[in-house]
Amino acid sequence: MATQPQPPKPQPEEPAPERKTREDLPQRLPPKPDEPREDGMPGYGQPDEDVREKSLPEQNW
């Protein structure tokens, strides 16, 4: 036998999460000299300068 469809239970109202703006967040510290940067500088996905210039050795199969 099929059961009677139940009416949906009302969900208790949850308060919306508070949104934080930049003014609410703590100030960022200045970057360290060896910290990776996002503008293509070594340390952010780039090998060191001396390694970057070397090519792979020829492989004789």
N, C-alpha and C. Protein backbone atom coordinates (compact mmCIF):
# COMPACT_ATOMS: atom_id res chain seq x y z
N MET A 1 0.82 -1.19 0.00
CA MET A 1 0.00 0.00 0.00
C MET A 1 0.87 1.25 0.00
N ALA A 2 0.42 2.24 -0.70
CA ALA A 2 1.16 3.51 -0.75
C ALA A 2 0.84 4.33 0.49
N THR A 3 1.81 5.07 0.94
CA THR A 3 1.58 5.92 2.10
C THR A 3 1.11 7.29 1.64
N GLN A 4 0.43 7.96 2.52
CA GLN A 4 -0.05 9.31 2.21
C GLN A 4 1.14 10.26 2.14
N PRO A 5 1.17 11.16 1.16
CA PRO A 5 2.28 12.12 1.11
C PRO A 5 2.24 13.05 2.31
N GLN A 6 3.38 13.22 2.90
CA GLN A 6 3.49 14.08 4.07
C GLN A 6 3.71 15.52 3.62
N PRO A 7 3.05 16.47 4.25
CA PRO A 7 3.34 17.86 3.90
C PRO A 7 4.75 18.21 4.36
N PRO A 8 5.46 19.04 3.60
CA PRO A 8 6.84 19.36 4.01
C PRO A 8 6.85 20.10 5.34
N LYS A 9 7.81 19.70 6.17
CA LYS A 9 7.93 20.34 7.48
C LYS A 9 8.55 21.72 7.29
N PRO A 10 8.06 22.72 7.99
CA PRO A 10 8.67 24.05 7.85
C PRO A 10 10.07 24.05 8.45
N GLN A 11 11.01 24.57 7.67
CA GLN A 11 12.39 24.66 8.13
C GLN A 11 12.52 25.81 9.11
N PRO A 12 13.23 25.62 10.21
CA PRO A 12 13.44 26.74 11.12
C PRO A 12 14.29 27.80 10.42
N GLU A 13 13.92 29.05 10.60
CA GLU A 13 14.65 30.14 9.95
C GLU A 13 16.04 30.25 10.55
N GLU A 14 17.05 30.18 9.70
CA GLU A 14 18.43 30.34 10.15
C GLU A 14 18.89 31.74 9.80
N PRO A 15 19.57 32.40 10.72
CA PRO A 15 20.06 33.74 10.37
C PRO A 15 21.13 33.64 9.29
N ALA A 16 21.14 34.59 8.39
CA ALA A 16 22.13 34.59 7.31
C ALA A 16 23.52 34.77 7.91
N PRO A 17 24.52 34.07 7.37
CA PRO A 17 25.87 34.23 7.92
C PRO A 17 26.35 35.66 7.69
N GLU A 18 27.10 36.15 8.67
CA GLU A 18 27.59 37.52 8.56
C GLU A 18 28.68 37.58 7.50
N ARG A 19 28.61 38.62 6.69
CA ARG A 19 29.63 38.81 5.67
C ARG A 19 30.67 39.76 6.22
N LYS A 20 31.92 39.41 5.96
CA LYS A 20 33.01 40.25 6.44
C LYS A 20 33.57 41.04 5.26
N THR A 21 33.86 42.27 5.50
CA THR A 21 34.47 43.11 4.48
C THR A 21 35.96 43.23 4.78
N ARG A 22 36.68 43.82 3.86
CA ARG A 22 38.12 43.98 4.05
C ARG A 22 38.43 44.80 5.29
N GLU A 23 37.56 45.73 5.63
CA GLU A 23 37.81 46.55 6.81
C GLU A 23 37.73 45.70 8.09
N ASP A 24 36.93 44.63 8.05
CA ASP A 24 36.77 43.78 9.23
C ASP A 24 37.96 42.84 9.41
N LEU A 25 38.67 42.53 8.32
CA LEU A 25 39.76 41.57 8.39
C LEU A 25 41.02 42.24 8.91
N PRO A 26 41.91 41.48 9.55
CA PRO A 26 43.17 42.08 10.02
C PRO A 26 44.04 42.49 8.83
N GLN A 27 44.89 43.46 9.05
CA GLN A 27 45.77 43.94 8.00
C GLN A 27 46.78 42.86 7.66
N ARG A 28 47.13 42.74 6.36
CA ARG A 28 48.12 41.77 5.93
C ARG A 28 49.51 42.32 6.20
N LEU A 29 50.39 41.44 6.59
CA LEU A 29 51.77 41.83 6.80
C LEU A 29 52.44 42.02 5.44
N PRO A 30 53.47 42.85 5.36
CA PRO A 30 54.18 42.99 4.08
C PRO A 30 54.85 41.67 3.70
N PRO A 31 54.98 41.38 2.41
CA PRO A 31 55.57 40.10 2.00
C PRO A 31 57.04 40.02 2.37
N LYS A 32 57.46 38.81 2.68
CA LYS A 32 58.87 38.57 3.00
C LYS A 32 59.67 38.54 1.69
N PRO A 33 60.96 38.82 1.75
CA PRO A 33 61.75 38.83 0.50
C PRO A 33 61.74 37.49 -0.23
N ASP A 34 61.72 36.37 0.50
CA ASP A 34 61.75 35.07 -0.17
C ASP A 34 60.37 34.48 -0.38
N GLU A 35 59.33 35.25 -0.11
CA GLU A 35 57.97 34.75 -0.29
C GLU A 35 57.63 34.75 -1.78
N PRO A 36 56.98 33.69 -2.27
CA PRO A 36 56.64 33.65 -3.70
C PRO A 36 55.66 34.76 -4.07
N ARG A 37 55.82 35.27 -5.27
CA ARG A 37 54.93 36.32 -5.75
C ARG A 37 54.15 35.79 -6.93
N GLU A 38 53.11 36.50 -7.31
CA GLU A 38 52.23 36.03 -8.36
C GLU A 38 52.56 36.65 -9.72
N ASP A 39 53.67 37.32 -9.86
CA ASP A 39 53.96 37.97 -11.14
C ASP A 39 55.06 37.25 -11.92
N GLY A 40 55.21 35.95 -11.71
CA GLY A 40 56.17 35.18 -12.47
C GLY A 40 57.59 35.23 -11.94
N MET A 41 57.77 35.69 -10.74
CA MET A 41 59.10 35.75 -10.16
C MET A 41 59.52 34.34 -9.74
N PRO A 42 60.83 34.06 -9.69
CA PRO A 42 61.27 32.75 -9.22
C PRO A 42 60.72 32.46 -7.83
N GLY A 43 60.34 31.22 -7.63
CA GLY A 43 59.74 30.83 -6.37
C GLY A 43 58.25 30.63 -6.51
N TYR A 44 57.67 31.12 -7.60
CA TYR A 44 56.24 30.91 -7.83
C TYR A 44 56.11 30.15 -9.13
N GLY A 45 56.39 28.86 -9.08
CA GLY A 45 56.26 28.01 -10.26
C GLY A 45 57.43 28.15 -11.22
N GLN A 46 58.44 28.91 -10.88
CA GLN A 46 59.59 29.08 -11.76
C GLN A 46 60.80 28.42 -11.10
N PRO A 47 61.60 27.67 -11.86
CA PRO A 47 62.81 27.11 -11.27
C PRO A 47 63.84 28.22 -11.05
N ASP A 48 64.86 27.91 -10.28
CA ASP A 48 65.93 28.87 -10.05
C ASP A 48 66.57 29.28 -11.37
N GLU A 49 67.17 30.45 -11.38
CA GLU A 49 67.76 30.99 -12.61
C GLU A 49 68.82 30.07 -13.20
N ASP A 50 69.72 29.51 -12.36
CA ASP A 50 70.79 28.67 -12.89
C ASP A 50 70.25 27.35 -13.45
N VAL A 51 69.17 26.85 -12.90
CA VAL A 51 68.58 25.61 -13.39
C VAL A 51 67.75 25.88 -14.64
N ARG A 52 67.12 27.02 -14.70
CA ARG A 52 66.21 27.34 -15.79
C ARG A 52 66.95 27.43 -17.12
N GLU A 53 68.20 27.90 -17.11
CA GLU A 53 68.94 28.11 -18.35
C GLU A 53 69.50 26.81 -18.92
N LYS A 54 69.63 25.77 -18.10
CA LYS A 54 70.20 24.51 -18.58
C LYS A 54 69.15 23.72 -19.35
N SER A 55 69.57 23.12 -20.45
CA SER A 55 68.66 22.25 -21.18
C SER A 55 68.94 20.80 -20.76
N LEU A 56 68.02 19.94 -21.05
CA LEU A 56 68.20 18.54 -20.70
C LEU A 56 69.28 17.93 -21.58
N PRO A 57 70.04 16.97 -21.06
CA PRO A 57 71.07 16.34 -21.89
C PRO A 57 70.42 15.50 -22.99
N GLU A 58 71.14 15.38 -24.10
CA GLU A 58 70.66 14.55 -25.20
C GLU A 58 70.60 13.11 -24.73
N GLN A 59 69.57 12.42 -25.12
CA GLN A 59 69.43 11.02 -24.71
C GLN A 59 69.57 10.14 -25.95
N ASN A 60 70.49 9.23 -25.89
CA ASN A 60 70.71 8.29 -26.99
C ASN A 60 69.97 7.00 -26.66
N TRP A 61 68.97 6.72 -27.41
CA TRP A 61 68.16 5.53 -27.14
C TRP A 61 68.74 4.35 -27.83
